[in-house]
C-alpha cells in the first residue's frame, strides 16, 4: 500500500491532533531541521515512473492515512505497461490490508500465476 507524506500529514495527522496537517510548511521545517526531508520529497510519486515490471497495487479504499486520489495518482504514474489497482473495501483500517491476502489469497495467487510461472 502506498502513501505520500503529503497525503499522510493531511489525513492522518489531522485525525491525531486537530489541525496538525494544516501547517505543512512547519512540518517541513522541523523535519529538515532534524536532518530529514520535506514531505514533498517523501513520496512514491517521484519514483513510480521508474517501475517498469508488472505491478499490483493494493490499497484500502477508506484508509485513514491517505486518500483515494493519492493511491490513484501513484498507480497512474507507474511506468509499468501491465499494472492493476486492487481496492480492499469495507474498512478504514490500513492494517487490514496487510493481512488481507492471508484470508483472501485468490487475487494474489492469480497474479503470481500470471507473472511468475515458468
PDB file of N, CA and C in Angstrom:
ATOM      1  N   UNK A   1       0.847  -1.168   0.000  1.00  0.00           N
ATOM      2  CA  UNK A   1       0.000   0.000   0.000  1.00  0.00           C
ATOM      3  C   UNK A   1       0.893   1.232   0.000  1.00  0.00           C
ATOM      4  N   UNK A   2       0.540   2.169  -0.824  1.00  0.00           N
ATOM      5  CA  UNK A   2       1.357   3.364  -0.993  1.00  0.00           C
ATOM      6  C   UNK A   2       0.728   4.546  -0.264  1.00  0.00           C
ATOM      7  N   UNK A   3       1.579   5.470   0.125  1.00  0.00           N
ATOM      8  CA  UNK A   3       1.102   6.714   0.728  1.00  0.00           C
ATOM      9  C   UNK A   3       2.213   7.754   0.603  1.00  0.00           C
ATOM     10  N   UNK A   4       1.854   8.936   0.146  1.00  0.00           N
ATOM     11  CA  UNK A   4       2.812  10.037   0.135  1.00  0.00           C
ATOM     12  C   UNK A   4       2.734  10.732   1.493  1.00  0.00           C
ATOM     13  N   UNK A   5       3.827  11.342   1.896  1.00  0.00           N
ATOM     14  CA  UNK A   5       3.823  12.029   3.191  1.00  0.00           C
ATOM     15  C   UNK A   5       2.884  13.229   3.189  1.00  0.00           C
ATOM     16  N   UNK A   6       2.693  13.852   2.044  1.00  0.00           N
ATOM     17  CA  UNK A   6       1.749  14.973   1.990  1.00  0.00           C
ATOM     18  C   UNK A   6       0.334  14.495   2.294  1.00  0.00           C
ATOM     19  N   UNK A   7      -0.052  13.371   1.717  1.00  0.00           N
ATOM     20  CA  UNK A   7      -1.384  12.823   1.999  1.00  0.00           C
ATOM     21  C   UNK A   7      -1.468  12.353   3.443  1.00  0.00           C
ATOM     22  N   UNK A   8      -0.395  11.730   3.924  1.00  0.00           N
ATOM     23  CA  UNK A   8      -0.374  11.239   5.298  1.00  0.00           C
ATOM     24  C   UNK A   8      -0.577  12.378   6.291  1.00  0.00           C
ATOM     25  N   UNK A   9       0.185  13.458   6.134  1.00  0.00           N
ATOM     26  CA  UNK A   9       0.054  14.555   7.098  1.00  0.00           C
ATOM     27  C   UNK A   9      -1.309  15.223   6.996  1.00  0.00           C
ATOM     28  N   UNK A  10      -1.844  15.292   5.792  1.00  0.00           N
ATOM     29  CA  UNK A  10      -3.161  15.915   5.625  1.00  0.00           C
ATOM     30  C   UNK A  10      -4.258  15.083   6.278  1.00  0.00           C
ATOM     31  N   UNK A  11      -4.205  13.767   6.104  1.00  0.00           N
ATOM     32  CA  UNK A  11      -5.294  12.907   6.571  1.00  0.00           C
ATOM     33  C   UNK A  11      -5.062  12.338   7.966  1.00  0.00           C
ATOM     34  N   UNK A  12      -3.926  11.724   8.173  1.00  0.00           N
ATOM     35  CA  UNK A  12      -3.694  11.046   9.449  1.00  0.00           C
ATOM     36  C   UNK A  12      -3.346  12.027  10.566  1.00  0.00           C
ATOM     37  N   UNK A  13      -2.453  12.952  10.301  1.00  0.00           N
ATOM     38  CA  UNK A  13      -2.046  13.892  11.350  1.00  0.00           C
ATOM     39  C   UNK A  13      -3.243  14.663  11.884  1.00  0.00           C
ATOM     40  N   UNK A  14      -4.162  15.046  11.015  1.00  0.00           N
ATOM     41  CA  UNK A  14      -5.362  15.761  11.465  1.00  0.00           C
ATOM     42  C   UNK A  14      -6.244  14.892  12.345  1.00  0.00           C
ATOM     43  N   UNK A  15      -6.210  13.580  12.143  1.00  0.00           N
ATOM     44  CA  UNK A  15      -7.034  12.706  12.979  1.00  0.00           C
ATOM     45  C   UNK A  15      -6.418  12.501  14.360  1.00  0.00           C
ATOM     46  N   UNK A  16      -5.120  12.739  14.489  1.00  0.00           N
ATOM     47  CA  UNK A  16      -4.435  12.574  15.777  1.00  0.00           C
ATOM     48  C   UNK A  16      -4.451  13.883  16.564  1.00  0.00           C
ATOM     49  N   UNK A  17      -4.082  14.969  15.887  1.00  0.00           N
ATOM     50  CA  UNK A  17      -4.070  16.294  16.509  1.00  0.00           C
ATOM     51  C   UNK A  17      -4.820  17.230  15.563  1.00  0.00           C
ATOM     52  N   UNK A  18      -5.951  17.726  15.997  1.00  0.00           N
ATOM     53  CA  UNK A  18      -6.772  18.582  15.146  1.00  0.00           C
ATOM     54  C   UNK A  18      -5.946  19.724  14.573  1.00  0.00           C
ATOM     55  N   UNK A  19      -5.946  19.832  13.253  1.00  0.00           N
ATOM     56  CA  UNK A  19      -5.240  20.914  12.582  1.00  0.00           C
ATOM     57  C   UNK A  19      -3.774  20.658  12.303  1.00  0.00           C
ATOM     58  N   UNK A  20      -3.222  19.541  12.764  1.00  0.00           N
ATOM     59  CA  UNK A  20      -1.786  19.280  12.591  1.00  0.00           C
ATOM     60  C   UNK A  20      -1.387  19.228  11.121  1.00  0.00           C
ATOM     61  N   UNK A  21      -2.253  18.727  10.284  1.00  0.00           N
ATOM     62  CA  UNK A  21      -1.937  18.631   8.863  1.00  0.00           C
ATOM     63  C   UNK A  21      -2.166  19.914   8.095  1.00  0.00           C
ATOM     64  N   UNK A  22      -2.626  20.956   8.787  1.00  0.00           N
ATOM     65  CA  UNK A  22      -2.919  22.221   8.126  1.00  0.00           C
ATOM     66  C   UNK A  22      -1.703  23.138   8.018  1.00  0.00           C
ATOM     67  N   UNK A  23      -0.563  22.685   8.516  1.00  0.00           N
ATOM     68  CA  UNK A  23       0.639  23.509   8.529  1.00  0.00           C
ATOM     69  C   UNK A  23       1.823  22.752   7.934  1.00  0.00           C
ATOM     70  N   UNK A  24       1.734  22.383   6.646  1.00  0.00           N
ATOM     71  CA  UNK A  24       2.797  21.567   6.051  1.00  0.00           C
ATOM     72  C   UNK A  24       4.159  22.250   6.049  1.00  0.00           C
ATOM     73  N   UNK A  25       4.178  23.567   5.944  1.00  0.00           N
ATOM     74  CA  UNK A  25       5.468  24.262   5.920  1.00  0.00           C
ATOM     75  C   UNK A  25       6.185  24.152   7.267  1.00  0.00           C
ATOM     76  N   UNK A  26       5.439  24.131   8.363  1.00  0.00           N
ATOM     77  CA  UNK A  26       6.055  23.968   9.687  1.00  0.00           C
ATOM     78  C   UNK A  26       6.568  22.545   9.845  1.00  0.00           C
ATOM     79  N   UNK A  27       5.792  21.572   9.398  1.00  0.00           N
ATOM     80  CA  UNK A  27       6.250  20.179   9.445  1.00  0.00           C
ATOM     81  C   UNK A  27       7.509  20.002   8.606  1.00  0.00           C
ATOM     82  N   UNK A  28       7.532  20.582   7.408  1.00  0.00           N
ATOM     83  CA  UNK A  28       8.722  20.512   6.555  1.00  0.00           C
ATOM     84  C   UNK A  28       9.932  21.114   7.262  1.00  0.00           C
ATOM     85  N   UNK A  29       9.760  22.292   7.837  1.00  0.00           N
ATOM     86  CA  UNK A  29      10.852  22.980   8.522  1.00  0.00           C
ATOM     87  C   UNK A  29      11.425  22.114   9.641  1.00  0.00           C
ATOM     88  N   UNK A  30      10.561  21.551  10.466  1.00  0.00           N
ATOM     89  CA  UNK A  30      11.020  20.736  11.591  1.00  0.00           C
ATOM     90  C   UNK A  30      11.699  19.451  11.124  1.00  0.00           C
ATOM     91  N   UNK A  31      11.177  18.850  10.072  1.00  0.00           N
ATOM     92  CA  UNK A  31      11.775  17.618   9.551  1.00  0.00           C
ATOM     93  C   UNK A  31      13.156  17.883   8.964  1.00  0.00           C
ATOM     94  N   UNK A  32      13.299  18.961   8.206  1.00  0.00           N
ATOM     95  CA  UNK A  32      14.594  19.307   7.610  1.00  0.00           C
ATOM     96  C   UNK A  32      15.580  19.683   8.710  1.00  0.00           C
ATOM     97  N   UNK A  33      15.106  20.419   9.700  1.00  0.00           N
ATOM     98  CA  UNK A  33      15.959  20.812  10.823  1.00  0.00           C
ATOM     99  C   UNK A  33      16.508  19.583  11.549  1.00  0.00           C
ATOM    100  N   UNK A  34      15.715  18.534  11.609  1.00  0.00           N
ATOM    101  CA  UNK A  34      16.134  17.302  12.285  1.00  0.00           C
ATOM    102  C   UNK A  34      16.977  16.407  11.369  1.00  0.00           C
ATOM    103  N   UNK A  35      17.253  16.884  10.159  1.00  0.00           N
ATOM    104  CA  UNK A  35      18.079  16.104   9.241  1.00  0.00           C
ATOM    105  C   UNK A  35      17.297  15.278   8.254  1.00  0.00           C
ATOM    106  N   UNK A  36      16.009  15.526   8.157  1.00  0.00           N
ATOM    107  CA  UNK A  36      15.161  14.744   7.261  1.00  0.00           C
ATOM    108  C   UNK A  36      14.857  15.466   5.964  1.00  0.00           C
ATOM    109  N   UNK A  37      13.812  15.030   5.330  1.00  0.00           N
ATOM    110  CA  UNK A  37      13.381  15.578   4.047  1.00  0.00           C
ATOM    111  C   UNK A  37      12.045  16.294   4.192  1.00  0.00           C
ATOM    112  N   UNK A  38      11.733  17.128   3.223  1.00  0.00           N
ATOM    113  CA  UNK A  38      10.409  17.744   3.168  1.00  0.00           C
ATOM    114  C   UNK A  38       9.391  16.675   2.783  1.00  0.00           C
ATOM    115  N   UNK A  39       8.152  16.894   3.172  1.00  0.00           N
ATOM    116  CA  UNK A  39       7.096  15.936   2.831  1.00  0.00           C
ATOM    117  C   UNK A  39       6.996  15.711   1.325  1.00  0.00           C
ATOM    118  N   UNK A  40       7.177  16.762   0.541  1.00  0.00           N
ATOM    119  CA  UNK A  40       7.079  16.635  -0.915  1.00  0.00           C
ATOM    120  C   UNK A  40       8.182  15.762  -1.503  1.00  0.00           C
ATOM    121  N   UNK A  41       9.242  15.525  -0.737  1.00  0.00           N
ATOM    122  CA  UNK A  41      10.347  14.669  -1.185  1.00  0.00           C
ATOM    123  C   UNK A  41      10.163  13.215  -0.743  1.00  0.00           C
ATOM    124  N   UNK A  42       9.180  12.980   0.118  1.00  0.00           N
ATOM    125  CA  UNK A  42       8.917  11.623   0.619  1.00  0.00           C
ATOM    126  C   UNK A  42       7.618  11.116   0.006  1.00  0.00           C
ATOM    127  N   UNK A  43       7.718  10.743  -1.242  1.00  0.00           N
ATOM    128  CA  UNK A  43       6.536  10.306  -1.970  1.00  0.00           C
ATOM    129  C   UNK A  43       6.902   9.260  -3.011  1.00  0.00           C
ATOM    130  N   UNK A  44       6.064   8.257  -3.174  1.00  0.00           N
ATOM    131  CA  UNK A  44       6.320   7.287  -4.238  1.00  0.00           C
ATOM    132  C   UNK A  44       6.101   7.888  -5.628  1.00  0.00           C
ATOM    133  N   UNK A  45       5.467   9.050  -5.691  1.00  0.00           N
ATOM    134  CA  UNK A  45       5.188   9.680  -6.983  1.00  0.00           C
ATOM    135  C   UNK A  45       6.475   9.997  -7.742  1.00  0.00           C
ATOM    136  N   UNK A  46       7.539  10.298  -7.017  1.00  0.00           N
ATOM    137  CA  UNK A  46       8.814  10.637  -7.655  1.00  0.00           C
ATOM    138  C   UNK A  46       9.465   9.434  -8.329  1.00  0.00           C
ATOM    139  N   UNK A  47       9.197   8.254  -7.824  1.00  0.00           N
ATOM    140  CA  UNK A  47       9.888   7.051  -8.288  1.00  0.00           C
ATOM    141  C   UNK A  47       8.996   6.107  -9.098  1.00  0.00           C
ATOM    142  N   UNK A  48       7.699   6.304  -9.044  1.00  0.00           N
ATOM    143  CA  UNK A  48       6.755   5.412  -9.727  1.00  0.00           C
ATOM    144  C   UNK A  48       7.030   5.272 -11.227  1.00  0.00           C
ATOM    145  N   UNK A  49       7.407   6.343 -11.933  1.00  0.00           N
ATOM    146  CA  UNK A  49       7.668   6.177 -13.369  1.00  0.00           C
ATOM    147  C   UNK A  49       8.802   5.196 -13.682  1.00  0.00           C
ATOM    148  N   UNK A  50       9.696   4.971 -12.737  1.00  0.00           N
ATOM    149  CA  UNK A  50      10.818   4.055 -12.951  1.00  0.00           C
ATOM    150  C   UNK A  50      10.433   2.591 -12.764  1.00  0.00           C
ATOM    151  N   UNK A  51       9.247   2.332 -12.263  1.00  0.00           N
ATOM    152  CA  UNK A  51       8.786   0.951 -12.068  1.00  0.00           C
ATOM    153  C   UNK A  51       8.231   0.455 -13.402  1.00  0.00           C
ATOM    154  N   UNK A  52       8.911  -0.530 -13.986  1.00  0.00           N
ATOM    155  CA  UNK A  52       8.517  -0.999 -15.315  1.00  0.00           C
ATOM    156  C   UNK A  52       8.078  -2.460 -15.333  1.00  0.00           C
ATOM    157  N   UNK A  53       8.226  -3.148 -14.227  1.00  0.00           N
ATOM    158  CA  UNK A  53       7.791  -4.547 -14.176  1.00  0.00           C
ATOM    159  C   UNK A  53       6.298  -4.613 -13.851  1.00  0.00           C
ATOM    160  N   UNK A  54       5.628  -5.717 -14.181  1.00  0.00           N
ATOM    161  CA  UNK A  54       4.208  -5.839 -13.837  1.00  0.00           C
ATOM    162  C   UNK A  54       3.990  -5.555 -12.345  1.00  0.00           C
ATOM    163  N   UNK A  55       2.991  -4.748 -12.051  1.00  0.00           N
ATOM    164  CA  UNK A  55       2.796  -4.264 -10.687  1.00  0.00           C
ATOM    165  C   UNK A  55       1.337  -4.376 -10.263  1.00  0.00           C
ATOM    166  N   UNK A  56       1.138  -4.947  -9.094  1.00  0.00           N
ATOM    167  CA  UNK A  56      -0.176  -4.998  -8.463  1.00  0.00           C
ATOM    168  C   UNK A  56      -0.136  -4.045  -7.272  1.00  0.00           C
ATOM    169  N   UNK A  57      -0.916  -2.982  -7.345  1.00  0.00           N
ATOM    170  CA  UNK A  57      -1.013  -2.016  -6.253  1.00  0.00           C
ATOM    171  C   UNK A  57      -2.262  -2.364  -5.456  1.00  0.00           C
ATOM    172  N   UNK A  58      -2.099  -2.499  -4.156  1.00  0.00           N
ATOM    173  CA  UNK A  58      -3.205  -2.854  -3.267  1.00  0.00           C
ATOM    174  C   UNK A  58      -3.409  -1.698  -2.297  1.00  0.00           C
ATOM    175  N   UNK A  59      -4.630  -1.213  -2.200  1.00  0.00           N
ATOM    176  CA  UNK A  59      -4.950  -0.099  -1.310  1.00  0.00           C
ATOM    177  C   UNK A  59      -6.248  -0.374  -0.555  1.00  0.00           C
ATOM    178  N   UNK A  60      -6.296   0.082   0.686  1.00  0.00           N
ATOM    179  CA  UNK A  60      -7.544   0.110   1.446  1.00  0.00           C
ATOM    180  C   UNK A  60      -8.261   1.393   1.021  1.00  0.00           C
ATOM    181  N   UNK A  61      -9.427   1.265   0.432  1.00  0.00           N
ATOM    182  CA  UNK A  61     -10.108   2.430  -0.144  1.00  0.00           C
ATOM    183  C   UNK A  61     -10.374   3.529   0.893  1.00  0.00           C
ATOM    184  N   UNK A  62     -10.765   3.152   2.102  1.00  0.00           N
ATOM    185  CA  UNK A  62     -11.105   4.143   3.128  1.00  0.00           C
ATOM    186  C   UNK A  62      -9.960   4.359   4.124  1.00  0.00           C
ATOM    187  N   UNK A  63      -8.735   4.072   3.716  1.00  0.00           N
ATOM    188  CA  UNK A  63      -7.544   4.207   4.563  1.00  0.00           C
ATOM    189  C   UNK A  63      -7.468   5.610   5.168  1.00  0.00           C
ATOM    190  N   UNK A  64      -7.382   5.687   6.475  1.00  0.00           N
ATOM    191  CA  UNK A  64      -7.325   6.981   7.164  1.00  0.00           C
ATOM    192  C   UNK A  64      -5.975   7.669   7.009  1.00  0.00           C
ATOM    193  N   UNK A  65      -4.972   6.944   6.536  1.00  0.00           N
ATOM    194  CA  UNK A  65      -3.633   7.519   6.405  1.00  0.00           C
ATOM    195  C   UNK A  65      -3.438   8.270   5.095  1.00  0.00           C
ATOM    196  N   UNK A  66      -4.325   8.068   4.156  1.00  0.00           N
ATOM    197  CA  UNK A  66      -4.126   8.641   2.833  1.00  0.00           C
ATOM    198  C   UNK A  66      -5.479   8.897   2.182  1.00  0.00           C
ATOM    199  N   UNK A  67      -5.474   9.101   0.893  1.00  0.00           N
ATOM    200  CA  UNK A  67      -6.721   9.340   0.166  1.00  0.00           C
ATOM    201  C   UNK A  67      -6.762   8.454  -1.076  1.00  0.00           C
ATOM    202  N   UNK A  68      -7.950   8.263  -1.591  1.00  0.00           N
ATOM    203  CA  UNK A  68      -8.121   7.512  -2.837  1.00  0.00           C
ATOM    204  C   UNK A  68      -7.305   8.186  -3.942  1.00  0.00           C
ATOM    205  N   UNK A  69      -7.347   9.503  -3.981  1.00  0.00           N
ATOM    206  CA  UNK A  69      -6.640  10.252  -5.016  1.00  0.00           C
ATOM    207  C   UNK A  69      -5.134  10.020  -4.960  1.00  0.00           C
ATOM    208  N   UNK A  70      -4.572   9.926  -3.759  1.00  0.00           N
ATOM    209  CA  UNK A  70      -3.134   9.692  -3.615  1.00  0.00           C
ATOM    210  C   UNK A  70      -2.758   8.315  -4.158  1.00  0.00           C
ATOM    211  N   UNK A  71      -3.538   7.301  -3.825  1.00  0.00           N
ATOM    212  CA  UNK A  71      -3.280   5.954  -4.335  1.00  0.00           C
ATOM    213  C   UNK A  71      -3.434   5.882  -5.844  1.00  0.00           C
ATOM    214  N   UNK A  72      -4.470   6.528  -6.363  1.00  0.00           N
ATOM    215  CA  UNK A  72      -4.699   6.529  -7.809  1.00  0.00           C
ATOM    216  C   UNK A  72      -3.589   7.269  -8.548  1.00  0.00           C
ATOM    217  N   UNK A  73      -3.100   8.356  -7.957  1.00  0.00           N
ATOM    218  CA  UNK A  73      -2.014   9.112  -8.597  1.00  0.00           C
ATOM    219  C   UNK A  73      -0.757   8.256  -8.693  1.00  0.00           C
ATOM    220  N   UNK A  74      -0.407   7.575  -7.614  1.00  0.00           N
ATOM    221  CA  UNK A  74       0.763   6.699  -7.649  1.00  0.00           C
ATOM    222  C   UNK A  74       0.585   5.639  -8.725  1.00  0.00           C
ATOM    223  N   UNK A  75      -0.576   5.030  -8.772  1.00  0.00           N
ATOM    224  CA  UNK A  75      -0.863   3.999  -9.773  1.00  0.00           C
ATOM    225  C   UNK A  75      -0.716   4.554 -11.191  1.00  0.00           C
ATOM    226  N   UNK A  76      -1.301   5.709 -11.437  1.00  0.00           N
ATOM    227  CA  UNK A  76      -1.253   6.298 -12.776  1.00  0.00           C
ATOM    228  C   UNK A  76       0.168   6.643 -13.197  1.00  0.00           C
ATOM    229  N   UNK A  77       1.018   7.004 -12.243  1.00  0.00           N
ATOM    230  CA  UNK A  77       2.397   7.381 -12.551  1.00  0.00           C
ATOM    231  C   UNK A  77       3.317   6.191 -12.803  1.00  0.00           C
ATOM    232  N   UNK A  78       2.879   4.992 -12.447  1.00  0.00           N
ATOM    233  CA  UNK A  78       3.719   3.809 -12.657  1.00  0.00           C
ATOM    234  C   UNK A  78       4.113   3.686 -14.125  1.00  0.00           C
ATOM    235  N   UNK A  79       5.379   3.344 -14.356  1.00  0.00           N
ATOM    236  CA  UNK A  79       5.868   3.161 -15.714  1.00  0.00           C
ATOM    237  C   UNK A  79       5.538   1.800 -16.296  1.00  0.00           C
ATOM    238  N   UNK A  80       5.007   0.909 -15.489  1.00  0.00           N
ATOM    239  CA  UNK A  80       4.692  -0.451 -15.937  1.00  0.00           C
ATOM    240  C   UNK A  80       3.580  -0.439 -16.980  1.00  0.00           C
ATOM    241  N   UNK A  81       3.771  -1.231 -18.030  1.00  0.00           N
ATOM    242  CA  UNK A  81       2.711  -1.385 -19.030  1.00  0.00           C
ATOM    243  C   UNK A  81       1.588  -2.252 -18.480  1.00  0.00           C
ATOM    244  N   UNK A  82       1.980  -3.257 -17.691  1.00  0.00           N
ATOM    245  CA  UNK A  82       1.000  -4.156 -17.084  1.00  0.00           C
ATOM    246  C   UNK A  82       0.906  -3.815 -15.601  1.00  0.00           C
ATOM    247  N   UNK A  83      -0.220  -3.244 -15.231  1.00  0.00           N
ATOM    248  CA  UNK A  83      -0.423  -2.843 -13.840  1.00  0.00           C
ATOM    249  C   UNK A  83      -1.900  -2.959 -13.514  1.00  0.00           C
ATOM    250  N   UNK A  84      -2.147  -3.146 -12.231  1.00  0.00           N
ATOM    251  CA  UNK A  84      -3.530  -3.293 -11.769  1.00  0.00           C
ATOM    252  C   UNK A  84      -3.639  -2.672 -10.385  1.00  0.00           C
ATOM    253  N   UNK A  85      -4.746  -1.984 -10.144  1.00  0.00           N
ATOM    254  CA  UNK A  85      -5.039  -1.390  -8.841  1.00  0.00           C
ATOM    255  C   UNK A  85      -6.186  -2.175  -8.222  1.00  0.00           C
ATOM    256  N   UNK A  86      -5.942  -2.744  -7.048  1.00  0.00           N
ATOM    257  CA  UNK A  86      -6.938  -3.558  -6.345  1.00  0.00           C
ATOM    258  C   UNK A  86      -7.319  -2.855  -5.047  1.00  0.00           C
ATOM    259  N   UNK A  87      -8.604  -2.591  -4.883  1.00  0.00           N
ATOM    260  CA  UNK A  87      -9.101  -1.906  -3.692  1.00  0.00           C
ATOM    261  C   UNK A  87      -9.632  -2.907  -2.674  1.00  0.00           C
ATOM    262  N   UNK A  88      -9.211  -2.754  -1.435  1.00  0.00           N
ATOM    263  CA  UNK A  88      -9.777  -3.514  -0.316  1.00  0.00           C
ATOM    264  C   UNK A  88     -10.896  -2.650   0.254  1.00  0.00           C
ATOM    265  N   UNK A  89     -12.070  -3.204   0.307  1.00  0.00           N
ATOM    266  CA  UNK A  89     -13.266  -2.449   0.698  1.00  0.00           C
ATOM    267  C   UNK A  89     -13.726  -2.818   2.109  1.00  0.00           C
ATOM    268  N   UNK A  90     -14.498  -1.912   2.703  1.00  0.00           N
ATOM    269  CA  UNK A  90     -15.216  -2.227   3.929  1.00  0.00           C
ATOM    270  C   UNK A  90     -14.491  -1.960   5.234  1.00  0.00           C
ATOM    271  N   UNK A  91     -13.361  -1.251   5.183  1.00  0.00           N
ATOM    272  CA  UNK A  91     -12.643  -0.923   6.411  1.00  0.00           C
ATOM    273  C   UNK A  91     -11.845   0.361   6.214  1.00  0.00           C
ATOM    274  N   UNK A  92     -11.725   1.186   7.256  1.00  0.00           N
ATOM    275  CA  UNK A  92     -10.843   2.345   7.188  1.00  0.00           C
ATOM    276  C   UNK A  92      -9.448   2.032   7.762  1.00  0.00           C
ATOM    277  N   UNK A  93      -9.261   0.801   8.219  1.00  0.00           N
ATOM    278  CA  UNK A  93      -8.028   0.428   8.920  1.00  0.00           C
ATOM    279  C   UNK A  93      -6.974  -0.103   7.948  1.00  0.00           C
ATOM    280  N   UNK A  94      -5.900   0.636   7.820  1.00  0.00           N
ATOM    281  CA  UNK A  94      -4.797   0.288   6.930  1.00  0.00           C
ATOM    282  C   UNK A  94      -4.272  -1.115   7.204  1.00  0.00           C
ATOM    283  N   UNK A  95      -4.206  -1.495   8.469  1.00  0.00           N
ATOM    284  CA  UNK A  95      -3.604  -2.775   8.865  1.00  0.00           C
ATOM    285  C   UNK A  95      -4.378  -3.972   8.329  1.00  0.00           C
ATOM    286  N   UNK A  96      -5.653  -3.797   8.059  1.00  0.00           N
ATOM    287  CA  UNK A  96      -6.440  -4.879   7.463  1.00  0.00           C
ATOM    288  C   UNK A  96      -5.841  -5.248   6.102  1.00  0.00           C
ATOM    289  N   UNK A  97      -5.342  -4.265   5.393  1.00  0.00           N
ATOM    290  CA  UNK A  97      -4.740  -4.504   4.087  1.00  0.00           C
ATOM    291  C   UNK A  97      -3.504  -5.372   4.145  1.00  0.00           C
ATOM    292  N   UNK A  98      -2.729  -5.251   5.207  1.00  0.00           N
ATOM    293  CA  UNK A  98      -1.501  -6.040   5.319  1.00  0.00           C
ATOM    294  C   UNK A  98      -1.792  -7.527   5.493  1.00  0.00           C
ATOM    295  N   UNK A  99      -2.927  -7.844   6.034  1.00  0.00           N
ATOM    296  CA  UNK A  99      -3.284  -9.244   6.273  1.00  0.00           C
ATOM    297  C   UNK A  99      -4.358  -9.764   5.318  1.00  0.00           C
ATOM    298  N   UNK A 100      -4.811  -8.934   4.416  1.00  0.00           N
ATOM    299  CA  UNK A 100      -5.934  -9.276   3.548  1.00  0.00           C
ATOM    300  C   UNK A 100      -5.714 -10.576   2.777  1.00  0.00           C
ATOM    301  N   UNK A 101      -4.571 -10.726   2.152  1.00  0.00           N
ATOM    302  CA  UNK A 101      -4.346 -11.889   1.296  1.00  0.00           C
ATOM    303  C   UNK A 101      -4.126 -13.172   2.080  1.00  0.00           C
ATOM    304  N   UNK A 102      -3.876 -13.075   3.375  1.00  0.00           N
ATOM    305  CA  UNK A 102      -3.816 -14.275   4.204  1.00  0.00           C
ATOM    306  C   UNK A 102      -5.172 -14.954   4.292  1.00  0.00           C
ATOM    307  N   UNK A 103      -6.228 -14.156   4.259  1.00  0.00           N
ATOM    308  CA  UNK A 103      -7.596 -14.684   4.319  1.00  0.00           C
ATOM    309  C   UNK A 103      -8.254 -14.797   2.949  1.00  0.00           C
ATOM    310  N   UNK A 104      -7.768 -14.019   1.993  1.00  0.00           N
ATOM    311  CA  UNK A 104      -8.345 -13.976   0.642  1.00  0.00           C
ATOM    312  C   UNK A 104      -7.220 -14.096  -0.391  1.00  0.00           C
ATOM    313  N   UNK A 105      -6.600 -15.261  -0.511  1.00  0.00           N
ATOM    314  CA  UNK A 105      -5.405 -15.385  -1.353  1.00  0.00           C
ATOM    315  C   UNK A 105      -5.668 -15.453  -2.857  1.00  0.00           C
ATOM    316  N   UNK A 106      -6.897 -15.595  -3.273  1.00  0.00           N
ATOM    317  CA  UNK A 106      -7.198 -15.868  -4.676  1.00  0.00           C
ATOM    318  C   UNK A 106      -6.603 -14.834  -5.627  1.00  0.00           C
ATOM    319  N   UNK A 107      -6.791 -13.566  -5.329  1.00  0.00           N
ATOM    320  CA  UNK A 107      -6.295 -12.491  -6.202  1.00  0.00           C
ATOM    321  C   UNK A 107      -4.778 -12.562  -6.346  1.00  0.00           C
ATOM    322  N   UNK A 108      -4.099 -12.706  -5.240  1.00  0.00           N
ATOM    323  CA  UNK A 108      -2.638 -12.736  -5.249  1.00  0.00           C
ATOM    324  C   UNK A 108      -2.108 -13.989  -5.937  1.00  0.00           C
ATOM    325  N   UNK A 109      -2.735 -15.118  -5.695  1.00  0.00           N
ATOM    326  CA  UNK A 109      -2.323 -16.360  -6.362  1.00  0.00           C
ATOM    327  C   UNK A 109      -2.494 -16.212  -7.877  1.00  0.00           C
ATOM    328  N   UNK A 110      -3.601 -15.636  -8.298  1.00  0.00           N
ATOM    329  CA  UNK A 110      -3.828 -15.398  -9.723  1.00  0.00           C
ATOM    330  C   UNK A 110      -2.765 -14.492 -10.332  1.00  0.00           C
ATOM    331  N   UNK A 111      -2.393 -13.462  -9.583  1.00  0.00           N
ATOM    332  CA  UNK A 111      -1.356 -12.522 -10.050  1.00  0.00           C
ATOM    333  C   UNK A 111      -0.016 -13.247 -10.214  1.00  0.00           C
ATOM    334  N   UNK A 112       0.368 -13.995  -9.193  1.00  0.00           N
ATOM    335  CA  UNK A 112       1.636 -14.724  -9.271  1.00  0.00           C
ATOM    336  C   UNK A 112       1.603 -15.791 -10.361  1.00  0.00           C
ATOM    337  N   UNK A 113       0.484 -16.466 -10.521  1.00  0.00           N
ATOM    338  CA  UNK A 113       0.370 -17.460 -11.593  1.00  0.00           C
ATOM    339  C   UNK A 113       0.592 -16.815 -12.963  1.00  0.00           C
ATOM    340  N   UNK A 114       0.066 -15.640 -13.136  1.00  0.00           N
ATOM    341  CA  UNK A 114       0.178 -14.954 -14.428  1.00  0.00           C
ATOM    342  C   UNK A 114       1.607 -14.499 -14.720  1.00  0.00           C
ATOM    343  N   UNK A 115       2.304 -13.986 -13.708  1.00  0.00           N
ATOM    344  CA  UNK A 115       3.598 -13.353 -13.952  1.00  0.00           C
ATOM    345  C   UNK A 115       4.822 -14.133 -13.473  1.00  0.00           C
ATOM    346  N   UNK A 116       4.615 -15.171 -12.680  1.00  0.00           N
ATOM    347  CA  UNK A 116       5.770 -15.861 -12.111  1.00  0.00           C
ATOM    348  C   UNK A 116       5.924 -17.307 -12.578  1.00  0.00           C
ATOM    349  N   UNK A 117       4.935 -17.842 -13.257  1.00  0.00           N
ATOM    350  CA  UNK A 117       5.052 -19.230 -13.722  1.00  0.00           C
ATOM    351  C   UNK A 117       6.098 -19.317 -14.819  1.00  0.00           C
ATOM    352  N   UNK A 118       6.872 -20.378 -14.761  1.00  0.00           N
ATOM    353  CA  UNK A 118       7.926 -20.590 -15.758  1.00  0.00           C
ATOM    354  C   UNK A 118       7.387 -21.417 -16.893  1.00  0.00           C
TER     355      UNK A 118
END
